[in-house]
Amino acid sequence: MTLRLRDDRTDALKQRAEPEGTTLHAIVLKAVDDLLARTAQEAVVRRTALAQAAKWHELMERLT
């Protein structure tokens, strides 16, 4: 895989990586891992919300 970034983004990543003593590669991998974890959690919340809405729909209709 090849990742092409604008120069300003590459520079920003380098500035972030240097103080942490890590590489650009590690920074990008962490960003990908964080994105995947966050979207997986959002999917769980969405499925749970839909299931609960369906479960309590009749009661909510009676209360309104």
PDB file of N, CA and C in Angstrom:
ATOM      1  N   MET A   1       0.848  -1.174   0.000  1.00  0.00           N
ATOM      2  CA  MET A   1       0.000   0.000   0.000  1.00  0.00           C
ATOM      3  C   MET A   1       0.891   1.234   0.000  1.00  0.00           C
ATOM      4  N   THR A   2       0.515   2.202  -0.763  1.00  0.00           N
ATOM      5  CA  THR A   2       1.230   3.472  -0.795  1.00  0.00           C
ATOM      6  C   THR A   2       0.303   4.554  -0.277  1.00  0.00           C
ATOM      7  N   LEU A   3       0.805   5.343   0.632  1.00  0.00           N
ATOM      8  CA  LEU A   3       0.022   6.440   1.197  1.00  0.00           C
ATOM      9  C   LEU A   3       0.668   7.745   0.757  1.00  0.00           C
ATOM     10  N   ARG A   4      -0.086   8.551   0.060  1.00  0.00           N
ATOM     11  CA  ARG A   4       0.426   9.842  -0.401  1.00  0.00           C
ATOM     12  C   ARG A   4      -0.243  10.945   0.410  1.00  0.00           C
ATOM     13  N   LEU A   5       0.585  11.746   1.030  1.00  0.00           N
ATOM     14  CA  LEU A   5       0.086  12.858   1.839  1.00  0.00           C
ATOM     15  C   LEU A   5       0.630  14.172   1.295  1.00  0.00           C
ATOM     16  N   ARG A   6      -0.141  15.227   1.517  1.00  0.00           N
ATOM     17  CA  ARG A   6       0.380  16.550   1.193  1.00  0.00           C
ATOM     18  C   ARG A   6       1.572  16.827   2.108  1.00  0.00           C
ATOM     19  N   ASP A   7       2.465  17.682   1.642  1.00  0.00           N
ATOM     20  CA  ASP A   7       3.673  17.995   2.414  1.00  0.00           C
ATOM     21  C   ASP A   7       3.348  18.519   3.807  1.00  0.00           C
ATOM     22  N   ASP A   8       2.323  19.345   3.919  1.00  0.00           N
ATOM     23  CA  ASP A   8       1.986  19.901   5.232  1.00  0.00           C
ATOM     24  C   ASP A   8       1.534  18.813   6.204  1.00  0.00           C
ATOM     25  N   ARG A   9       0.832  17.806   5.699  1.00  0.00           N
ATOM     26  CA  ARG A   9       0.412  16.713   6.576  1.00  0.00           C
ATOM     27  C   ARG A   9       1.598  15.846   6.976  1.00  0.00           C
ATOM     28  N   THR A  10       2.493  15.615   6.033  1.00  0.00           N
ATOM     29  CA  THR A  10       3.699  14.843   6.349  1.00  0.00           C
ATOM     30  C   THR A  10       4.515  15.564   7.410  1.00  0.00           C
ATOM     31  N   ASP A  11       4.682  16.871   7.248  1.00  0.00           N
ATOM     32  CA  ASP A  11       5.432  17.662   8.236  1.00  0.00           C
ATOM     33  C   ASP A  11       4.761  17.618   9.603  1.00  0.00           C
ATOM     34  N   ALA A  12       3.436  17.725   9.634  1.00  0.00           N
ATOM     35  CA  ALA A  12       2.710  17.677  10.905  1.00  0.00           C
ATOM     36  C   ALA A  12       2.888  16.321  11.585  1.00  0.00           C
ATOM     37  N   LEU A  13       2.852  15.251  10.796  1.00  0.00           N
ATOM     38  CA  LEU A  13       3.064  13.922  11.366  1.00  0.00           C
ATOM     39  C   LEU A  13       4.482  13.753  11.900  1.00  0.00           C
ATOM     40  N   LYS A  14       5.462  14.284  11.173  1.00  0.00           N
ATOM     41  CA  LYS A  14       6.848  14.219  11.642  1.00  0.00           C
ATOM     42  C   LYS A  14       7.000  14.961  12.956  1.00  0.00           C
ATOM     43  N   GLN A  15       6.379  16.135  13.056  1.00  0.00           N
ATOM     44  CA  GLN A  15       6.451  16.911  14.298  1.00  0.00           C
ATOM     45  C   GLN A  15       5.780  16.167  15.445  1.00  0.00           C
ATOM     46  N   ARG A  16       4.780  15.395  15.139  1.00  0.00           N
ATOM     47  CA  ARG A  16       4.099  14.608  16.175  1.00  0.00           C
ATOM     48  C   ARG A  16       4.917  13.386  16.562  1.00  0.00           C
ATOM     49  N   ALA A  17       5.553  12.749  15.584  1.00  0.00           N
ATOM     50  CA  ALA A  17       6.280  11.512  15.832  1.00  0.00           C
ATOM     51  C   ALA A  17       7.584  11.738  16.603  1.00  0.00           C
ATOM     52  N   GLU A  18       8.299  12.782  16.248  1.00  0.00           N
ATOM     53  CA  GLU A  18       9.629  13.001  16.853  1.00  0.00           C
ATOM     54  C   GLU A  18       9.600  13.081  18.379  1.00  0.00           C
ATOM     55  N   PRO A  19       8.757  13.931  18.982  1.00  0.00           N
ATOM     56  CA  PRO A  19       8.761  13.998  20.455  1.00  0.00           C
ATOM     57  C   PRO A  19       8.345  12.684  21.114  1.00  0.00           C
ATOM     58  N   GLU A  20       7.523  11.913  20.422  1.00  0.00           N
ATOM     59  CA  GLU A  20       7.073  10.635  20.969  1.00  0.00           C
ATOM     60  C   GLU A  20       8.090   9.525  20.731  1.00  0.00           C
ATOM     61  N   GLY A  21       9.136   9.837  19.968  1.00  0.00           N
ATOM     62  CA  GLY A  21      10.166   8.846  19.687  1.00  0.00           C
ATOM     63  C   GLY A  21       9.648   7.690  18.856  1.00  0.00           C
ATOM     64  N   THR A  22       8.771   7.994  17.921  1.00  0.00           N
ATOM     65  CA  THR A  22       8.182   6.948  17.090  1.00  0.00           C
ATOM     66  C   THR A  22       8.316   7.313  15.612  1.00  0.00           C
ATOM     67  N   THR A  23       7.795   6.477  14.767  1.00  0.00           N
ATOM     68  CA  THR A  23       7.921   6.678  13.330  1.00  0.00           C
ATOM     69  C   THR A  23       6.597   7.156  12.731  1.00  0.00           C
ATOM     70  N   LEU A  24       6.684   7.678  11.519  1.00  0.00           N
ATOM     71  CA  LEU A  24       5.467   8.043  10.796  1.00  0.00           C
ATOM     72  C   LEU A  24       4.586   6.814  10.614  1.00  0.00           C
ATOM     73  N   HIS A  25       5.215   5.701  10.313  1.00  0.00           N
ATOM     74  CA  HIS A  25       4.490   4.445  10.119  1.00  0.00           C
ATOM     75  C   HIS A  25       3.670   4.100  11.364  1.00  0.00           C
ATOM     76  N   ALA A  26       4.278   4.196  12.537  1.00  0.00           N
ATOM     77  CA  ALA A  26       3.587   3.868  13.781  1.00  0.00           C
ATOM     78  C   ALA A  26       2.439   4.832  14.051  1.00  0.00           C
ATOM     79  N   ILE A  27       2.646   6.107  13.749  1.00  0.00           N
ATOM     80  CA  ILE A  27       1.595   7.111  13.944  1.00  0.00           C
ATOM     81  C   ILE A  27       0.390   6.784  13.050  1.00  0.00           C
ATOM     82  N   VAL A  28       0.645   6.456  11.796  1.00  0.00           N
ATOM     83  CA  VAL A  28      -0.438   6.142  10.861  1.00  0.00           C
ATOM     84  C   VAL A  28      -1.152   4.856  11.284  1.00  0.00           C
ATOM     85  N   LEU A  29      -0.407   3.843  11.690  1.00  0.00           N
ATOM     86  CA  LEU A  29      -1.035   2.604  12.144  1.00  0.00           C
ATOM     87  C   LEU A  29      -1.939   2.850  13.349  1.00  0.00           C
ATOM     88  N   LYS A  30      -1.485   3.678  14.285  1.00  0.00           N
ATOM     89  CA  LYS A  30      -2.307   3.998  15.463  1.00  0.00           C
ATOM     90  C   LYS A  30      -3.580   4.717  15.046  1.00  0.00           C
ATOM     91  N   ALA A  31      -3.472   5.635  14.088  1.00  0.00           N
ATOM     92  CA  ALA A  31      -4.658   6.351  13.607  1.00  0.00           C
ATOM     93  C   ALA A  31      -5.658   5.386  12.977  1.00  0.00           C
ATOM     94  N   VAL A  32      -5.163   4.444  12.203  1.00  0.00           N
ATOM     95  CA  VAL A  32      -6.044   3.452  11.572  1.00  0.00           C
ATOM     96  C   VAL A  32      -6.693   2.581  12.654  1.00  0.00           C
ATOM     97  N   ASP A  33      -5.905   2.124  13.611  1.00  0.00           N
ATOM     98  CA  ASP A  33      -6.454   1.307  14.700  1.00  0.00           C
ATOM     99  C   ASP A  33      -7.523   2.069  15.477  1.00  0.00           C
ATOM    100  N   ASP A  34      -7.256   3.341  15.773  1.00  0.00           N
ATOM    101  CA  ASP A  34      -8.227   4.161  16.505  1.00  0.00           C
ATOM    102  C   ASP A  34      -9.522   4.324  15.710  1.00  0.00           C
ATOM    103  N   LEU A  35      -9.402   4.555  14.416  1.00  0.00           N
ATOM    104  CA  LEU A  35     -10.585   4.688  13.564  1.00  0.00           C
ATOM    105  C   LEU A  35     -11.402   3.402  13.556  1.00  0.00           C
ATOM    106  N   LEU A  36     -10.739   2.280  13.388  1.00  0.00           N
ATOM    107  CA  LEU A  36     -11.443   1.003  13.351  1.00  0.00           C
ATOM    108  C   LEU A  36     -12.134   0.704  14.683  1.00  0.00           C
ATOM    109  N   ALA A  37     -11.462   0.988  15.778  1.00  0.00           N
ATOM    110  CA  ALA A  37     -12.057   0.752  17.100  1.00  0.00           C
ATOM    111  C   ALA A  37     -13.261   1.661  17.322  1.00  0.00           C
ATOM    112  N   ARG A  38     -13.114   2.929  16.949  1.00  0.00           N
ATOM    113  CA  ARG A  38     -14.205   3.882  17.147  1.00  0.00           C
ATOM    114  C   ARG A  38     -15.420   3.510  16.301  1.00  0.00           C
ATOM    115  N   THR A  39     -15.204   3.161  15.041  1.00  0.00           N
ATOM    116  CA  THR A  39     -16.345   2.828  14.188  1.00  0.00           C
ATOM    117  C   THR A  39     -16.988   1.513  14.604  1.00  0.00           C
ATOM    118  N   ALA A  40     -16.203   0.587  15.120  1.00  0.00           N
ATOM    119  CA  ALA A  40     -16.775  -0.665  15.627  1.00  0.00           C
ATOM    120  C   ALA A  40     -17.663  -0.377  16.832  1.00  0.00           C
ATOM    121  N   GLN A  41     -17.210   0.489  17.725  1.00  0.00           N
ATOM    122  CA  GLN A  41     -17.997   0.847  18.908  1.00  0.00           C
ATOM    123  C   GLN A  41     -19.272   1.577  18.497  1.00  0.00           C
ATOM    124  N   GLU A  42     -19.165   2.480  17.523  1.00  0.00           N
ATOM    125  CA  GLU A  42     -20.351   3.187  17.038  1.00  0.00           C
ATOM    126  C   GLU A  42     -21.366   2.218  16.457  1.00  0.00           C
ATOM    127  N   ALA A  43     -20.905   1.196  15.770  1.00  0.00           N
ATOM    128  CA  ALA A  43     -21.807   0.194  15.195  1.00  0.00           C
ATOM    129  C   ALA A  43     -22.526  -0.577  16.293  1.00  0.00           C
ATOM    130  N   VAL A  44     -21.817  -0.902  17.364  1.00  0.00           N
ATOM    131  CA  VAL A  44     -22.434  -1.612  18.496  1.00  0.00           C
ATOM    132  C   VAL A  44     -23.511  -0.733  19.120  1.00  0.00           C
ATOM    133  N   VAL A  45     -23.199   0.530  19.332  1.00  0.00           N
ATOM    134  CA  VAL A  45     -24.167   1.454  19.931  1.00  0.00           C
ATOM    135  C   VAL A  45     -25.389   1.591  19.022  1.00  0.00           C
ATOM    136  N   ARG A  46     -25.154   1.723  17.727  1.00  0.00           N
ATOM    137  CA  ARG A  46     -26.262   1.868  16.776  1.00  0.00           C
ATOM    138  C   ARG A  46     -27.170   0.634  16.797  1.00  0.00           C
ATOM    139  N   ARG A  47     -26.562  -0.563  16.768  1.00  0.00           N
ATOM    140  CA  ARG A  47     -27.366  -1.801  16.800  1.00  0.00           C
ATOM    141  C   ARG A  47     -28.157  -1.902  18.111  1.00  0.00           C
ATOM    142  N   THR A  48     -27.518  -1.550  19.216  1.00  0.00           N
ATOM    143  CA  THR A  48     -28.191  -1.611  20.512  1.00  0.00           C
ATOM    144  C   THR A  48     -29.349  -0.623  20.567  1.00  0.00           C
ATOM    145  N   ALA A  49     -29.129   0.582  20.073  1.00  0.00           N
ATOM    146  CA  ALA A  49     -30.186   1.594  20.071  1.00  0.00           C
ATOM    147  C   ALA A  49     -31.373   1.144  19.228  1.00  0.00           C
ATOM    148  N   LEU A  50     -31.097   0.581  18.058  1.00  0.00           N
ATOM    149  CA  LEU A  50     -32.186   0.098  17.197  1.00  0.00           C
ATOM    150  C   LEU A  50     -32.946  -1.041  17.858  1.00  0.00           C
ATOM    151  N   ALA A  51     -32.236  -1.942  18.497  1.00  0.00           N
ATOM    152  CA  ALA A  51     -32.884  -3.067  19.174  1.00  0.00           C
ATOM    153  C   ALA A  51     -33.758  -2.577  20.322  1.00  0.00           C
ATOM    154  N   GLN A  52     -33.255  -1.620  21.098  1.00  0.00           N
ATOM    155  CA  GLN A  52     -34.034  -1.094  22.220  1.00  0.00           C
ATOM    156  C   GLN A  52     -35.230  -0.289  21.735  1.00  0.00           C
ATOM    157  N   ALA A  53     -35.054   0.463  20.666  1.00  0.00           N
ATOM    158  CA  ALA A  53     -36.176   1.229  20.105  1.00  0.00           C
ATOM    159  C   ALA A  53     -37.280   0.280  19.652  1.00  0.00           C
ATOM    160  N   ALA A  54     -36.913  -0.820  19.010  1.00  0.00           N
ATOM    161  CA  ALA A  54     -37.908  -1.788  18.571  1.00  0.00           C
ATOM    162  C   ALA A  54     -38.584  -2.457  19.778  1.00  0.00           C
ATOM    163  N   LYS A  55     -37.784  -2.771  20.779  1.00  0.00           N
ATOM    164  CA  LYS A  55     -38.307  -3.445  21.971  1.00  0.00           C
ATOM    165  C   LYS A  55     -39.336  -2.575  22.700  1.00  0.00           C
ATOM    166  N   TRP A  56     -39.061  -1.282  22.823  1.00  0.00           N
ATOM    167  CA  TRP A  56     -39.898  -0.385  23.614  1.00  0.00           C
ATOM    168  C   TRP A  56     -40.849   0.465  22.774  1.00  0.00           C
ATOM    169  N   HIS A  57     -40.922   0.188  21.476  1.00  0.00           N
ATOM    170  CA  HIS A  57     -41.743   1.007  20.582  1.00  0.00           C
ATOM    171  C   HIS A  57     -43.211   1.051  21.019  1.00  0.00           C
ATOM    172  N   GLU A  58     -43.773  -0.115  21.299  1.00  0.00           N
ATOM    173  CA  GLU A  58     -45.194  -0.163  21.667  1.00  0.00           C
ATOM    174  C   GLU A  58     -45.469   0.644  22.931  1.00  0.00           C
ATOM    175  N   LEU A  59     -44.636   0.497  23.939  1.00  0.00           N
ATOM    176  CA  LEU A  59     -44.812   1.244  25.179  1.00  0.00           C
ATOM    177  C   LEU A  59     -44.703   2.746  24.928  1.00  0.00           C
ATOM    178  N   MET A  60     -43.719   3.164  24.148  1.00  0.00           N
ATOM    179  CA  MET A  60     -43.530   4.585  23.860  1.00  0.00           C
ATOM    180  C   MET A  60     -44.748   5.151  23.117  1.00  0.00           C
ATOM    181  N   GLU A  61     -45.333   4.378  22.221  1.00  0.00           N
ATOM    182  CA  GLU A  61     -46.530   4.819  21.497  1.00  0.00           C
ATOM    183  C   GLU A  61     -47.686   5.020  22.469  1.00  0.00           C
ATOM    184  N   ARG A  62     -47.823   4.103  23.425  1.00  0.00           N
ATOM    185  CA  ARG A  62     -48.931   4.230  24.399  1.00  0.00           C
ATOM    186  C   ARG A  62     -48.726   5.426  25.308  1.00  0.00           C
ATOM    187  N   LEU A  63     -47.491   5.785  25.586  1.00  0.00           N
ATOM    188  CA  LEU A  63     -47.208   6.908  26.491  1.00  0.00           C
ATOM    189  C   LEU A  63     -47.379   8.271  25.816  1.00  0.00           C
ATOM    190  N   THR A  64     -47.378   8.294  24.500  1.00  0.00           N
ATOM    191  CA  THR A  64     -47.496   9.598  23.825  1.00  0.00           C
ATOM    192  C   THR A  64     -48.928   9.973  23.546  1.00  0.00           C
TER     193      THR A  64
END
